[in-house]
Amino acid sequence: MKGDPEERALAVGRYIAHTGATVRAAAVVFGVSKSTIWKDQARLRRTSPGLWAEVQAVVQKNKAERHLRGGEATRLKYLHK
């Protein structure tokens, strides 16, 4: 999704808040890089502080759990070998 950055930032913010998606997953869905998703969060902070707070809660939860997801991926990798 290209186009207006503020519009995309709102769409990304709503998507992350609604689905609990990771930054990487949101980047795939919207067809942009992870860096763009992070920049959109900065835009969101200026344009919609309430939505930004919801997104930050999801992002912080995902960051706290990422070592668990990585460990599970490694376990599954070696389980199949």
N, C-alpha and C. Protein backbone atom coordinates (compact mmCIF):
# COMPACT_ATOMS: atom_id res chain seq x y z
N MET A 1 0.85 -1.18 0.00
CA MET A 1 0.00 0.00 0.00
C MET A 1 0.89 1.23 0.00
N LYS A 2 0.98 1.86 -1.12
CA LYS A 2 1.74 3.10 -1.22
C LYS A 2 0.74 4.24 -1.06
N GLY A 3 1.19 5.45 -1.29
CA GLY A 3 0.28 6.58 -1.21
C GLY A 3 0.61 7.48 -0.05
N ASP A 4 -0.41 8.09 0.51
CA ASP A 4 -0.25 9.06 1.58
C ASP A 4 0.31 8.39 2.84
N PRO A 5 1.47 8.84 3.33
CA PRO A 5 2.08 8.20 4.50
C PRO A 5 1.22 8.28 5.76
N GLU A 6 0.52 9.39 5.97
CA GLU A 6 -0.32 9.51 7.16
C GLU A 6 -1.49 8.54 7.10
N GLU A 7 -2.04 8.38 5.91
CA GLU A 7 -3.15 7.46 5.72
C GLU A 7 -2.69 6.02 5.97
N ARG A 8 -1.51 5.68 5.42
CA ARG A 8 -0.95 4.35 5.62
C ARG A 8 -0.64 4.12 7.10
N ALA A 9 -0.12 5.14 7.78
CA ALA A 9 0.21 5.00 9.19
C ALA A 9 -1.04 4.67 10.00
N LEU A 10 -2.15 5.31 9.70
CA LEU A 10 -3.40 5.00 10.40
C LEU A 10 -3.86 3.58 10.10
N ALA A 11 -3.76 3.18 8.84
CA ALA A 11 -4.18 1.82 8.47
C ALA A 11 -3.30 0.78 9.15
N VAL A 12 -2.00 1.00 9.17
CA VAL A 12 -1.07 0.08 9.82
C VAL A 12 -1.36 0.03 11.32
N GLY A 13 -1.57 1.19 11.92
CA GLY A 13 -1.86 1.25 13.35
C GLY A 13 -3.12 0.49 13.72
N ARG A 14 -4.17 0.68 12.93
CA ARG A 14 -5.42 -0.04 13.19
C ARG A 14 -5.22 -1.54 13.02
N TYR A 15 -4.45 -1.93 12.00
CA TYR A 15 -4.20 -3.35 11.75
C TYR A 15 -3.45 -3.99 12.92
N ILE A 16 -2.38 -3.35 13.37
CA ILE A 16 -1.58 -3.91 14.46
C ILE A 16 -2.40 -3.97 15.75
N ALA A 17 -3.14 -2.90 16.04
CA ALA A 17 -3.94 -2.86 17.27
C ALA A 17 -5.05 -3.92 17.23
N HIS A 18 -5.66 -4.11 16.07
CA HIS A 18 -6.78 -5.05 15.96
C HIS A 18 -6.31 -6.51 15.96
N THR A 19 -5.21 -6.81 15.25
CA THR A 19 -4.80 -8.20 15.09
C THR A 19 -3.70 -8.63 16.05
N GLY A 20 -2.97 -7.67 16.62
CA GLY A 20 -1.83 -8.02 17.47
C GLY A 20 -0.64 -8.48 16.66
N ALA A 21 -0.59 -8.09 15.40
CA ALA A 21 0.47 -8.54 14.49
C ALA A 21 1.82 -7.96 14.87
N THR A 22 2.87 -8.68 14.49
CA THR A 22 4.23 -8.17 14.68
C THR A 22 4.53 -7.15 13.60
N VAL A 23 5.62 -6.42 13.79
CA VAL A 23 6.03 -5.43 12.79
C VAL A 23 6.34 -6.13 11.48
N ARG A 24 7.00 -7.28 11.55
CA ARG A 24 7.34 -8.03 10.35
C ARG A 24 6.09 -8.48 9.60
N ALA A 25 5.10 -8.98 10.33
CA ALA A 25 3.86 -9.44 9.70
C ALA A 25 3.10 -8.27 9.07
N ALA A 26 3.07 -7.13 9.75
CA ALA A 26 2.39 -5.95 9.20
C ALA A 26 3.10 -5.47 7.94
N ALA A 27 4.42 -5.54 7.92
CA ALA A 27 5.18 -5.12 6.74
C ALA A 27 4.83 -5.99 5.54
N VAL A 28 4.67 -7.28 5.76
CA VAL A 28 4.31 -8.19 4.67
C VAL A 28 2.90 -7.86 4.15
N VAL A 29 1.97 -7.66 5.06
CA VAL A 29 0.58 -7.39 4.66
C VAL A 29 0.48 -6.09 3.86
N PHE A 30 1.20 -5.06 4.27
CA PHE A 30 1.10 -3.76 3.61
C PHE A 30 2.11 -3.59 2.48
N GLY A 31 2.98 -4.56 2.29
CA GLY A 31 3.92 -4.50 1.18
C GLY A 31 4.99 -3.43 1.33
N VAL A 32 5.41 -3.18 2.56
CA VAL A 32 6.45 -2.20 2.83
C VAL A 32 7.51 -2.85 3.71
N SER A 33 8.60 -2.13 3.97
CA SER A 33 9.66 -2.68 4.81
C SER A 33 9.33 -2.49 6.29
N LYS A 34 10.08 -3.21 7.12
CA LYS A 34 9.91 -3.05 8.56
C LYS A 34 10.26 -1.63 8.99
N SER A 35 11.26 -1.05 8.33
CA SER A 35 11.66 0.33 8.65
C SER A 35 10.50 1.29 8.40
N THR A 36 9.76 1.05 7.34
CA THR A 36 8.62 1.90 7.03
C THR A 36 7.55 1.77 8.10
N ILE A 37 7.34 0.57 8.60
CA ILE A 37 6.35 0.36 9.68
C ILE A 37 6.77 1.16 10.91
N TRP A 38 8.07 1.13 11.25
CA TRP A 38 8.54 1.90 12.41
C TRP A 38 8.37 3.40 12.17
N LYS A 39 8.65 3.87 10.96
CA LYS A 39 8.45 5.29 10.65
C LYS A 39 6.97 5.66 10.73
N ASP A 40 6.12 4.73 10.29
CA ASP A 40 4.68 4.99 10.38
C ASP A 40 4.23 5.11 11.83
N GLN A 41 4.86 4.37 12.72
CA GLN A 41 4.51 4.49 14.14
C GLN A 41 4.88 5.88 14.66
N ALA A 42 6.00 6.42 14.19
CA ALA A 42 6.39 7.78 14.59
C ALA A 42 5.37 8.79 14.07
N ARG A 43 4.91 8.58 12.83
CA ARG A 43 3.87 9.47 12.28
C ARG A 43 2.59 9.35 13.08
N LEU A 44 2.27 8.13 13.47
CA LEU A 44 1.05 7.87 14.22
C LEU A 44 1.07 8.58 15.57
N ARG A 45 2.25 8.67 16.16
CA ARG A 45 2.38 9.35 17.46
C ARG A 45 1.96 10.81 17.36
N ARG A 46 2.27 11.43 16.22
CA ARG A 46 1.90 12.83 16.01
C ARG A 46 0.43 12.99 15.63
N THR A 47 -0.08 12.07 14.80
CA THR A 47 -1.42 12.27 14.26
C THR A 47 -2.53 11.67 15.12
N SER A 48 -2.24 10.56 15.79
CA SER A 48 -3.28 9.88 16.58
C SER A 48 -2.66 9.26 17.83
N PRO A 49 -2.45 10.05 18.87
CA PRO A 49 -1.79 9.55 20.07
C PRO A 49 -2.52 8.38 20.75
N GLY A 50 -3.82 8.36 20.69
CA GLY A 50 -4.58 7.26 21.31
C GLY A 50 -4.32 5.94 20.62
N LEU A 51 -4.38 5.94 19.30
CA LEU A 51 -4.09 4.73 18.54
C LEU A 51 -2.64 4.34 18.70
N TRP A 52 -1.75 5.32 18.75
CA TRP A 52 -0.33 5.05 18.94
C TRP A 52 -0.10 4.30 20.26
N ALA A 53 -0.79 4.70 21.31
CA ALA A 53 -0.64 4.04 22.61
C ALA A 53 -1.09 2.58 22.53
N GLU A 54 -2.19 2.32 21.80
CA GLU A 54 -2.65 0.94 21.63
C GLU A 54 -1.61 0.12 20.87
N VAL A 55 -1.06 0.71 19.81
CA VAL A 55 -0.05 0.02 19.00
C VAL A 55 1.19 -0.26 19.84
N GLN A 56 1.60 0.70 20.65
CA GLN A 56 2.78 0.51 21.48
C GLN A 56 2.60 -0.63 22.47
N ALA A 57 1.41 -0.78 23.00
CA ALA A 57 1.15 -1.88 23.92
C ALA A 57 1.34 -3.22 23.21
N VAL A 58 0.85 -3.32 21.98
CA VAL A 58 1.00 -4.56 21.20
C VAL A 58 2.46 -4.80 20.86
N VAL A 59 3.15 -3.74 20.41
CA VAL A 59 4.56 -3.88 20.01
C VAL A 59 5.42 -4.28 21.21
N GLN A 60 5.18 -3.68 22.35
CA GLN A 60 5.96 -4.03 23.54
C GLN A 60 5.71 -5.48 23.96
N LYS A 61 4.47 -5.93 23.86
CA LYS A 61 4.14 -7.32 24.17
C LYS A 61 4.86 -8.25 23.20
N ASN A 62 4.84 -7.92 21.91
CA ASN A 62 5.52 -8.74 20.91
C ASN A 62 7.03 -8.77 21.14
N LYS A 63 7.60 -7.63 21.52
CA LYS A 63 9.04 -7.59 21.79
C LYS A 63 9.39 -8.44 23.01
N ALA A 64 8.52 -8.45 23.99
CA ALA A 64 8.77 -9.24 25.20
C ALA A 64 8.67 -10.75 24.92
N GLU A 65 7.89 -11.12 23.91
CA GLU A 65 7.68 -12.54 23.60
C GLU A 65 8.54 -13.04 22.46
N ARG A 66 9.32 -12.18 21.81
CA ARG A 66 10.02 -12.61 20.60
C ARG A 66 11.04 -13.71 20.85
N HIS A 67 11.65 -13.75 22.01
CA HIS A 67 12.60 -14.82 22.27
C HIS A 67 11.90 -16.17 22.36
N LEU A 68 10.64 -16.16 22.75
CA LEU A 68 9.88 -17.41 22.81
C LEU A 68 9.54 -17.90 21.40
N ARG A 69 9.15 -16.97 20.53
CA ARG A 69 8.84 -17.35 19.14
C ARG A 69 10.09 -17.86 18.44
N GLY A 70 11.22 -17.22 18.68
CA GLY A 70 12.47 -17.66 18.06
C GLY A 70 12.88 -19.03 18.56
N GLY A 71 12.72 -19.27 19.83
CA GLY A 71 13.04 -20.57 20.39
C GLY A 71 12.16 -21.67 19.83
N GLU A 72 10.90 -21.37 19.66
CA GLU A 72 9.97 -22.35 19.09
C GLU A 72 10.32 -22.64 17.63
N ALA A 73 10.69 -21.61 16.88
CA ALA A 73 11.08 -21.82 15.48
C ALA A 73 12.32 -22.70 15.39
N THR A 74 13.27 -22.49 16.27
CA THR A 74 14.48 -23.31 16.28
C THR A 74 14.15 -24.75 16.66
N ARG A 75 13.29 -24.92 17.64
CA ARG A 75 12.89 -26.26 18.06
C ARG A 75 12.24 -27.01 16.91
N LEU A 76 11.35 -26.35 16.18
CA LEU A 76 10.67 -26.98 15.06
C LEU A 76 11.66 -27.28 13.93
N LYS A 77 12.62 -26.42 13.73
CA LYS A 77 13.62 -26.62 12.68
C LYS A 77 14.38 -27.92 12.93
N TYR A 78 14.84 -28.12 14.15
CA TYR A 78 15.63 -29.32 14.45
C TYR A 78 14.76 -30.56 14.66
N LEU A 79 13.50 -30.35 14.91
CA LEU A 79 12.58 -31.48 15.04
C LEU A 79 12.38 -32.17 13.70
N HIS A 80 12.41 -31.39 12.63
CA HIS A 80 12.19 -31.93 11.28
C HIS A 80 13.45 -32.51 10.66
N LYS A 81 14.59 -32.29 11.24
CA LYS A 81 15.85 -32.81 10.66
C LYS A 81 16.11 -34.22 11.10
